[in-house]
Amino acid sequence: SYDKGEAMNVAMAVYQDFAAEHKYKHYRYADYKKGTFGVEKNFKEGKIPYVSYSSRVIFTK
């Protein structure tokens, strides 16, 4: 099952790990639309439906 909150938490953990590994101090979301952090798309290919969550992030040193 898909939980949007859990997906965002996983994405944030990946961003934090990436920032630490590459010595970035901060990151921020580049808005897709005002007030959103990303885009969610639903797919149904074959028998198993799935959701793709993507966001744009800007890292600064």
PDB file of N, CA and C in Angstrom:
ATOM      1  N   SER A   1       0.835  -1.187   0.000  1.00  0.00           N
ATOM      2  CA  SER A   1       0.000   0.000   0.000  1.00  0.00           C
ATOM      3  C   SER A   1       0.877   1.247   0.000  1.00  0.00           C
ATOM      4  N   TYR A   2       0.338   2.330  -0.471  1.00  0.00           N
ATOM      5  CA  TYR A   2       1.077   3.582  -0.620  1.00  0.00           C
ATOM      6  C   TYR A   2       0.584   4.599   0.392  1.00  0.00           C
ATOM      7  N   ASP A   3       1.517   5.207   1.081  1.00  0.00           N
ATOM      8  CA  ASP A   3       1.201   6.263   2.036  1.00  0.00           C
ATOM      9  C   ASP A   3       2.028   7.488   1.650  1.00  0.00           C
ATOM     10  N   LYS A   4       1.372   8.566   1.275  1.00  0.00           N
ATOM     11  CA  LYS A   4       2.070   9.761   0.805  1.00  0.00           C
ATOM     12  C   LYS A   4       3.017  10.303   1.872  1.00  0.00           C
ATOM     13  N   GLY A   5       2.610  10.315   3.124  1.00  0.00           N
ATOM     14  CA  GLY A   5       3.467  10.799   4.207  1.00  0.00           C
ATOM     15  C   GLY A   5       4.729   9.972   4.341  1.00  0.00           C
ATOM     16  N   GLU A   6       4.587   8.655   4.218  1.00  0.00           N
ATOM     17  CA  GLU A   6       5.750   7.771   4.310  1.00  0.00           C
ATOM     18  C   GLU A   6       6.689   7.996   3.126  1.00  0.00           C
ATOM     19  N   ALA A   7       6.137   8.183   1.941  1.00  0.00           N
ATOM     20  CA  ALA A   7       6.954   8.448   0.754  1.00  0.00           C
ATOM     21  C   ALA A   7       7.746   9.737   0.921  1.00  0.00           C
ATOM     22  N   MET A   8       7.117  10.772   1.451  1.00  0.00           N
ATOM     23  CA  MET A   8       7.816  12.039   1.669  1.00  0.00           C
ATOM     24  C   MET A   8       8.912  11.887   2.722  1.00  0.00           C
ATOM     25  N   ASN A   9       8.660  11.108   3.769  1.00  0.00           N
ATOM     26  CA  ASN A   9       9.678  10.876   4.795  1.00  0.00           C
ATOM     27  C   ASN A   9      10.894  10.147   4.228  1.00  0.00           C
ATOM     28  N   VAL A  10      10.654   9.158   3.378  1.00  0.00           N
ATOM     29  CA  VAL A  10      11.752   8.438   2.745  1.00  0.00           C
ATOM     30  C   VAL A  10      12.542   9.380   1.842  1.00  0.00           C
ATOM     31  N   ALA A  11      11.840  10.187   1.053  1.00  0.00           N
ATOM     32  CA  ALA A  11      12.515  11.137   0.171  1.00  0.00           C
ATOM     33  C   ALA A  11      13.358  12.121   0.977  1.00  0.00           C
ATOM     34  N   MET A  12      12.825  12.637   2.071  1.00  0.00           N
ATOM     35  CA  MET A  12      13.577  13.580   2.904  1.00  0.00           C
ATOM     36  C   MET A  12      14.825  12.928   3.490  1.00  0.00           C
ATOM     37  N   ALA A  13      14.739  11.667   3.885  1.00  0.00           N
ATOM     38  CA  ALA A  13      15.899  10.955   4.417  1.00  0.00           C
ATOM     39  C   ALA A  13      16.979  10.800   3.343  1.00  0.00           C
ATOM     40  N   VAL A  14      16.555  10.523   2.120  1.00  0.00           N
ATOM     41  CA  VAL A  14      17.511  10.406   1.014  1.00  0.00           C
ATOM     42  C   VAL A  14      18.174  11.755   0.753  1.00  0.00           C
ATOM     43  N   TYR A  15      17.396  12.844   0.764  1.00  0.00           N
ATOM     44  CA  TYR A  15      17.962  14.178   0.555  1.00  0.00           C
ATOM     45  C   TYR A  15      18.993  14.508   1.633  1.00  0.00           C
ATOM     46  N   GLN A  16      18.679  14.193   2.881  1.00  0.00           N
ATOM     47  CA  GLN A  16      19.594  14.478   3.978  1.00  0.00           C
ATOM     48  C   GLN A  16      20.883  13.673   3.849  1.00  0.00           C
ATOM     49  N   ASP A  17      20.769  12.404   3.493  1.00  0.00           N
ATOM     50  CA  ASP A  17      21.958  11.571   3.286  1.00  0.00           C
ATOM     51  C   ASP A  17      22.812  12.106   2.143  1.00  0.00           C
ATOM     52  N   PHE A  18      22.165  12.485   1.037  1.00  0.00           N
ATOM     53  CA  PHE A  18      22.884  13.025  -0.116  1.00  0.00           C
ATOM     54  C   PHE A  18      23.598  14.319   0.265  1.00  0.00           C
ATOM     55  N   ALA A  19      22.906  15.203   0.977  1.00  0.00           N
ATOM     56  CA  ALA A  19      23.494  16.481   1.382  1.00  0.00           C
ATOM     57  C   ALA A  19      24.714  16.255   2.275  1.00  0.00           C
ATOM     58  N   ALA A  20      24.623  15.348   3.223  1.00  0.00           N
ATOM     59  CA  ALA A  20      25.740  15.071   4.125  1.00  0.00           C
ATOM     60  C   ALA A  20      26.913  14.454   3.363  1.00  0.00           C
ATOM     61  N   GLU A  21      26.624  13.536   2.467  1.00  0.00           N
ATOM     62  CA  GLU A  21      27.672  12.850   1.711  1.00  0.00           C
ATOM     63  C   GLU A  21      28.435  13.801   0.805  1.00  0.00           C
ATOM     64  N   HIS A  22      27.741  14.783   0.232  1.00  0.00           N
ATOM     65  CA  HIS A  22      28.362  15.715  -0.710  1.00  0.00           C
ATOM     66  C   HIS A  22      28.636  17.086  -0.100  1.00  0.00           C
ATOM     67  N   LYS A  23      28.544  17.176   1.211  1.00  0.00           N
ATOM     68  CA  LYS A  23      28.883  18.377   1.983  1.00  0.00           C
ATOM     69  C   LYS A  23      28.043  19.607   1.618  1.00  0.00           C
ATOM     70  N   TYR A  24      26.755  19.382   1.377  1.00  0.00           N
ATOM     71  CA  TYR A  24      25.827  20.494   1.208  1.00  0.00           C
ATOM     72  C   TYR A  24      25.275  20.854   2.576  1.00  0.00           C
ATOM     73  N   LYS A  25      25.006  22.144   2.795  1.00  0.00           N
ATOM     74  CA  LYS A  25      24.488  22.591   4.090  1.00  0.00           C
ATOM     75  C   LYS A  25      22.964  22.579   4.137  1.00  0.00           C
ATOM     76  N   HIS A  26      22.327  22.911   3.031  1.00  0.00           N
ATOM     77  CA  HIS A  26      20.875  23.060   3.017  1.00  0.00           C
ATOM     78  C   HIS A  26      20.293  22.476   1.738  1.00  0.00           C
ATOM     79  N   TYR A  27      19.021  22.172   1.809  1.00  0.00           N
ATOM     80  CA  TYR A  27      18.269  21.854   0.604  1.00  0.00           C
ATOM     81  C   TYR A  27      16.881  22.450   0.753  1.00  0.00           C
ATOM     82  N   ARG A  28      16.263  22.724  -0.385  1.00  0.00           N
ATOM     83  CA  ARG A  28      14.902  23.234  -0.370  1.00  0.00           C
ATOM     84  C   ARG A  28      14.173  22.697  -1.583  1.00  0.00           C
ATOM     85  N   TYR A  29      12.869  22.639  -1.467  1.00  0.00           N
ATOM     86  CA  TYR A  29      12.052  22.177  -2.571  1.00  0.00           C
ATOM     87  C   TYR A  29      11.863  23.299  -3.580  1.00  0.00           C
ATOM     88  N   ALA A  30      11.988  22.979  -4.847  1.00  0.00           N
ATOM     89  CA  ALA A  30      11.645  23.912  -5.923  1.00  0.00           C
ATOM     90  C   ALA A  30      10.175  23.656  -6.234  1.00  0.00           C
ATOM     91  N   ASP A  31       9.325  24.630  -6.013  1.00  0.00           N
ATOM     92  CA  ASP A  31       7.875  24.433  -6.134  1.00  0.00           C
ATOM     93  C   ASP A  31       7.451  23.993  -7.531  1.00  0.00           C
ATOM     94  N   TYR A  32       6.651  22.950  -7.577  1.00  0.00           N
ATOM     95  CA  TYR A  32       5.939  22.609  -8.801  1.00  0.00           C
ATOM     96  C   TYR A  32       4.764  23.564  -8.922  1.00  0.00           C
ATOM     97  N   LYS A  33       3.996  23.597  -7.860  1.00  0.00           N
ATOM     98  CA  LYS A  33       2.871  24.507  -7.732  1.00  0.00           C
ATOM     99  C   LYS A  33       2.978  25.115  -6.348  1.00  0.00           C
ATOM    100  N   LYS A  34       2.507  26.288  -6.184  1.00  0.00           N
ATOM    101  CA  LYS A  34       2.585  26.962  -4.887  1.00  0.00           C
ATOM    102  C   LYS A  34       1.975  26.081  -3.791  1.00  0.00           C
ATOM    103  N   GLY A  35       2.739  25.834  -2.748  1.00  0.00           N
ATOM    104  CA  GLY A  35       2.240  25.078  -1.611  1.00  0.00           C
ATOM    105  C   GLY A  35       2.374  23.565  -1.719  1.00  0.00           C
ATOM    106  N   THR A  36       3.001  23.056  -2.789  1.00  0.00           N
ATOM    107  CA  THR A  36       3.188  21.617  -2.911  1.00  0.00           C
ATOM    108  C   THR A  36       4.670  21.283  -2.862  1.00  0.00           C
ATOM    109  N   PHE A  37       4.971  20.059  -2.523  1.00  0.00           N
ATOM    110  CA  PHE A  37       6.362  19.627  -2.435  1.00  0.00           C
ATOM    111  C   PHE A  37       6.747  18.669  -3.548  1.00  0.00           C
ATOM    112  N   GLY A  38       5.795  18.227  -4.327  1.00  0.00           N
ATOM    113  CA  GLY A  38       6.104  17.288  -5.393  1.00  0.00           C
ATOM    114  C   GLY A  38       4.886  16.928  -6.204  1.00  0.00           C
ATOM    115  N   VAL A  39       5.080  15.979  -7.092  1.00  0.00           N
ATOM    116  CA  VAL A  39       4.020  15.539  -7.976  1.00  0.00           C
ATOM    117  C   VAL A  39       3.830  14.040  -7.784  1.00  0.00           C
ATOM    118  N   GLU A  40       2.588  13.650  -7.704  1.00  0.00           N
ATOM    119  CA  GLU A  40       2.224  12.253  -7.521  1.00  0.00           C
ATOM    120  C   GLU A  40       1.491  11.788  -8.773  1.00  0.00           C
ATOM    121  N   LYS A  41       1.916  10.664  -9.350  1.00  0.00           N
ATOM    122  CA  LYS A  41       1.249  10.133 -10.533  1.00  0.00           C
ATOM    123  C   LYS A  41       0.864   8.691 -10.275  1.00  0.00           C
ATOM    124  N   ASN A  42      -0.334   8.341 -10.667  1.00  0.00           N
ATOM    125  CA  ASN A  42      -0.830   6.975 -10.527  1.00  0.00           C
ATOM    126  C   ASN A  42      -0.737   6.259 -11.869  1.00  0.00           C
ATOM    127  N   PHE A  43      -0.238   5.031 -11.838  1.00  0.00           N
ATOM    128  CA  PHE A  43      -0.090   4.227 -13.041  1.00  0.00           C
ATOM    129  C   PHE A  43      -0.762   2.879 -12.841  1.00  0.00           C
ATOM    130  N   LYS A  44      -1.200   2.298 -13.924  1.00  0.00           N
ATOM    131  CA  LYS A  44      -1.707   0.936 -13.867  1.00  0.00           C
ATOM    132  C   LYS A  44      -1.247   0.226 -15.135  1.00  0.00           C
ATOM    133  N   GLU A  45      -0.093  -0.412 -15.028  1.00  0.00           N
ATOM    134  CA  GLU A  45       0.455  -1.174 -16.142  1.00  0.00           C
ATOM    135  C   GLU A  45       0.417  -2.642 -15.755  1.00  0.00           C
ATOM    136  N   GLY A  46      -0.218  -3.421 -16.546  1.00  0.00           N
ATOM    137  CA  GLY A  46      -0.337  -4.834 -16.222  1.00  0.00           C
ATOM    138  C   GLY A  46      -1.306  -5.030 -15.072  1.00  0.00           C
ATOM    139  N   LYS A  47      -0.989  -5.947 -14.181  1.00  0.00           N
ATOM    140  CA  LYS A  47      -1.889  -6.305 -13.093  1.00  0.00           C
ATOM    141  C   LYS A  47      -1.668  -5.496 -11.823  1.00  0.00           C
ATOM    142  N   ILE A  48      -0.488  -4.870 -11.697  1.00  0.00           N
ATOM    143  CA  ILE A  48      -0.147  -4.198 -10.439  1.00  0.00           C
ATOM    144  C   ILE A  48      -0.138  -2.680 -10.629  1.00  0.00           C
ATOM    145  N   PRO A  49      -1.049  -1.955  -9.969  1.00  0.00           N
ATOM    146  CA  PRO A  49      -1.011  -0.490 -10.033  1.00  0.00           C
ATOM    147  C   PRO A  49       0.113   0.037  -9.141  1.00  0.00           C
ATOM    148  N   TYR A  50       0.672   1.179  -9.499  1.00  0.00           N
ATOM    149  CA  TYR A  50       1.703   1.773  -8.665  1.00  0.00           C
ATOM    150  C   TYR A  50       1.632   3.296  -8.735  1.00  0.00           C
ATOM    151  N   VAL A  51       2.300   3.935  -7.793  1.00  0.00           N
ATOM    152  CA  VAL A  51       2.320   5.392  -7.696  1.00  0.00           C
ATOM    153  C   VAL A  51       3.760   5.862  -7.775  1.00  0.00           C
ATOM    154  N   SER A  52       3.991   6.923  -8.503  1.00  0.00           N
ATOM    155  CA  SER A  52       5.309   7.534  -8.598  1.00  0.00           C
ATOM    156  C   SER A  52       5.244   8.900  -7.931  1.00  0.00           C
ATOM    157  N   TYR A  53       6.170   9.176  -7.020  1.00  0.00           N
ATOM    158  CA  TYR A  53       6.240  10.476  -6.356  1.00  0.00           C
ATOM    159  C   TYR A  53       7.559  11.116  -6.737  1.00  0.00           C
ATOM    160  N   SER A  54       7.533  12.332  -7.235  1.00  0.00           N
ATOM    161  CA  SER A  54       8.769  13.018  -7.575  1.00  0.00           C
ATOM    162  C   SER A  54       8.725  14.455  -7.078  1.00  0.00           C
ATOM    163  N   SER A  55       9.896  14.951  -6.734  1.00  0.00           N
ATOM    164  CA  SER A  55      10.014  16.337  -6.297  1.00  0.00           C
ATOM    165  C   SER A  55      11.339  16.890  -6.776  1.00  0.00           C
ATOM    166  N   ARG A  56      11.402  18.177  -6.917  1.00  0.00           N
ATOM    167  CA  ARG A  56      12.637  18.855  -7.316  1.00  0.00           C
ATOM    168  C   ARG A  56      13.232  19.517  -6.096  1.00  0.00           C
ATOM    169  N   VAL A  57      14.518  19.301  -5.909  1.00  0.00           N
ATOM    170  CA  VAL A  57      15.187  19.817  -4.720  1.00  0.00           C
ATOM    171  C   VAL A  57      16.429  20.572  -5.150  1.00  0.00           C
ATOM    172  N   ILE A  58      16.677  21.700  -4.513  1.00  0.00           N
ATOM    173  CA  ILE A  58      17.872  22.502  -4.768  1.00  0.00           C
ATOM    174  C   ILE A  58      18.770  22.413  -3.543  1.00  0.00           C
ATOM    175  N   PHE A  59      20.020  21.987  -3.769  1.00  0.00           N
ATOM    176  CA  PHE A  59      20.998  21.886  -2.684  1.00  0.00           C
ATOM    177  C   PHE A  59      21.932  23.087  -2.737  1.00  0.00           C
ATOM    178  N   THR A  60      22.306  23.610  -1.580  1.00  0.00           N
ATOM    179  CA  THR A  60      23.243  24.731  -1.507  1.00  0.00           C
ATOM    180  C   THR A  60      24.362  24.405  -0.551  1.00  0.00           C
ATOM    181  N   LYS A  61      25.539  24.963  -0.836  1.00  0.00           N
ATOM    182  CA  LYS A  61      26.710  24.721   0.019  1.00  0.00           C
ATOM    183  C   LYS A  61      26.921  25.838   0.990  1.00  0.00           C
TER     184      LYS A  61
END
